[in-house]
Amino acid sequence: MMEEQQGAMERTPAWKPVVSSEHGVSCAERPALGTLARVVVWPTPELAPALDAVDRHIAALEAQASRFR
């Protein structure tokens, strides 16, 4: 299963920044699971770790869902 997750993460679409009007808040979004995933964090330095965590969770969901396709 880890190999499936790693394969899914290698072809993960890139996160794109989203402009926020709030000072100190960072946003990013990317296609995921047939829709759009958006991550919003405060403070700004927490964005990269949050995106990594979301990517791992999305990869795990994709791996589980692929059993039914």
C-alpha atoms as a PDB file:
ATOM      1  CA  MET A   1       0.000   0.000   0.000  1.00  0.00           C
ATOM      2  CA  MET A   2       2.844   2.419   0.727  1.00  0.00           C
ATOM      3  CA  GLU A   3       4.076   1.886  -2.848  1.00  0.00           C
ATOM      4  CA  GLU A   4       0.638   2.889  -4.163  1.00  0.00           C
ATOM      5  CA  GLN A   5       0.680   6.023  -2.000  1.00  0.00           C
ATOM      6  CA  GLN A   6       4.182   6.927  -3.148  1.00  0.00           C
ATOM      7  CA  GLY A   7       3.197   6.428  -6.796  1.00  0.00           C
ATOM      8  CA  ALA A   8       0.137   8.609  -6.328  1.00  0.00           C
ATOM      9  CA  MET A   9       2.191  11.337  -4.658  1.00  0.00           C
ATOM     10  CA  GLU A  10       4.715  11.339  -7.529  1.00  0.00           C
ATOM     11  CA  ARG A  11       1.972  12.340  -9.993  1.00  0.00           C
ATOM     12  CA  THR A  12       0.249  14.765  -7.632  1.00  0.00           C
ATOM     13  CA  PRO A  13      -0.919  18.002  -9.271  1.00  0.00           C
ATOM     14  CA  ALA A  14       0.899  21.089  -8.043  1.00  0.00           C
ATOM     15  CA  TRP A  15      -0.625  23.316  -5.405  1.00  0.00           C
ATOM     16  CA  LYS A  16      -1.443  26.798  -6.702  1.00  0.00           C
ATOM     17  CA  PRO A  17      -1.444  29.821  -4.402  1.00  0.00           C
ATOM     18  CA  VAL A  18      -4.768  31.542  -3.740  1.00  0.00           C
ATOM     19  CA  VAL A  19      -4.776  35.226  -2.842  1.00  0.00           C
ATOM     20  CA  SER A  20      -6.123  35.961   0.626  1.00  0.00           C
ATOM     21  CA  SER A  21      -7.170  39.379   1.841  1.00  0.00           C
ATOM     22  CA  GLU A  22      -6.334  38.412   5.428  1.00  0.00           C
ATOM     23  CA  HIS A  23      -2.866  39.320   6.674  1.00  0.00           C
ATOM     24  CA  GLY A  24      -0.831  36.303   7.789  1.00  0.00           C
ATOM     25  CA  VAL A  25      -3.177  33.754   6.184  1.00  0.00           C
ATOM     26  CA  SER A  26      -1.968  31.541   3.326  1.00  0.00           C
ATOM     27  CA  CYS A  27      -4.130  29.578   0.898  1.00  0.00           C
ATOM     28  CA  ALA A  28      -3.435  27.033  -1.825  1.00  0.00           C
ATOM     29  CA  GLU A  29      -5.569  24.723  -3.943  1.00  0.00           C
ATOM     30  CA  ARG A  30      -5.242  21.818  -6.373  1.00  0.00           C
ATOM     31  CA  PRO A  31      -7.458  19.271  -8.080  1.00  0.00           C
ATOM     32  CA  ALA A  32      -8.130  16.220  -5.913  1.00  0.00           C
ATOM     33  CA  LEU A  33     -10.631  13.374  -5.831  1.00  0.00           C
ATOM     34  CA  GLY A  34     -12.632  14.779  -8.735  1.00  0.00           C
ATOM     35  CA  THR A  35     -13.065  18.171  -7.122  1.00  0.00           C
ATOM     36  CA  LEU A  36     -10.883  20.955  -5.724  1.00  0.00           C
ATOM     37  CA  ALA A  37      -8.942  20.780  -2.471  1.00  0.00           C
ATOM     38  CA  ARG A  38      -8.217  24.069  -0.749  1.00  0.00           C
ATOM     39  CA  VAL A  39      -5.994  24.512   2.292  1.00  0.00           C
ATOM     40  CA  VAL A  40      -6.044  27.687   4.383  1.00  0.00           C
ATOM     41  CA  VAL A  41      -3.607  28.128   7.268  1.00  0.00           C
ATOM     42  CA  TRP A  42      -2.513  30.657   9.806  1.00  0.00           C
ATOM     43  CA  PRO A  43       0.278  31.533  10.406  1.00  0.00           C
ATOM     44  CA  THR A  44       1.768  31.590   6.901  1.00  0.00           C
ATOM     45  CA  PRO A  45       4.874  29.439   7.635  1.00  0.00           C
ATOM     46  CA  GLU A  46       2.571  26.493   8.361  1.00  0.00           C
ATOM     47  CA  LEU A  47       1.432  26.204   4.735  1.00  0.00           C
ATOM     48  CA  ALA A  48       4.138  23.824   3.466  1.00  0.00           C
ATOM     49  CA  PRO A  49       3.717  21.282   6.298  1.00  0.00           C
ATOM     50  CA  ALA A  50      -0.067  21.488   5.928  1.00  0.00           C
ATOM     51  CA  LEU A  51       0.118  20.831   2.179  1.00  0.00           C
ATOM     52  CA  ASP A  52       2.384  17.829   2.781  1.00  0.00           C
ATOM     53  CA  ALA A  53      -0.072  16.422   5.317  1.00  0.00           C
ATOM     54  CA  VAL A  54      -3.050  16.947   2.997  1.00  0.00           C
ATOM     55  CA  ASP A  55      -1.159  15.321   0.102  1.00  0.00           C
ATOM     56  CA  ARG A  56      -0.517  12.232   2.258  1.00  0.00           C
ATOM     57  CA  HIS A  57      -4.190  11.982   3.219  1.00  0.00           C
ATOM     58  CA  ILE A  58      -5.401  12.470  -0.341  1.00  0.00           C
ATOM     59  CA  ALA A  59      -2.947   9.823  -1.577  1.00  0.00           C
ATOM     60  CA  ALA A  60      -4.259   7.382   1.046  1.00  0.00           C
ATOM     61  CA  LEU A  61      -7.863   8.089  -0.003  1.00  0.00           C
ATOM     62  CA  GLU A  62      -6.953   7.642  -3.687  1.00  0.00           C
ATOM     63  CA  ALA A  63      -5.251   4.333  -2.926  1.00  0.00           C
ATOM     64  CA  GLN A  64      -8.292   3.038  -1.064  1.00  0.00           C
ATOM     65  CA  ALA A  65     -10.742   4.283  -3.714  1.00  0.00           C
ATOM     66  CA  SER A  66      -8.728   2.697  -6.514  1.00  0.00           C
ATOM     67  CA  ARG A  67      -9.773  -0.741  -5.227  1.00  0.00           C
ATOM     68  CA  PHE A  68     -13.311   0.035  -6.423  1.00  0.00           C
ATOM     69  CA  ARG A  69     -12.436   1.322  -9.886  1.00  0.00           C
END
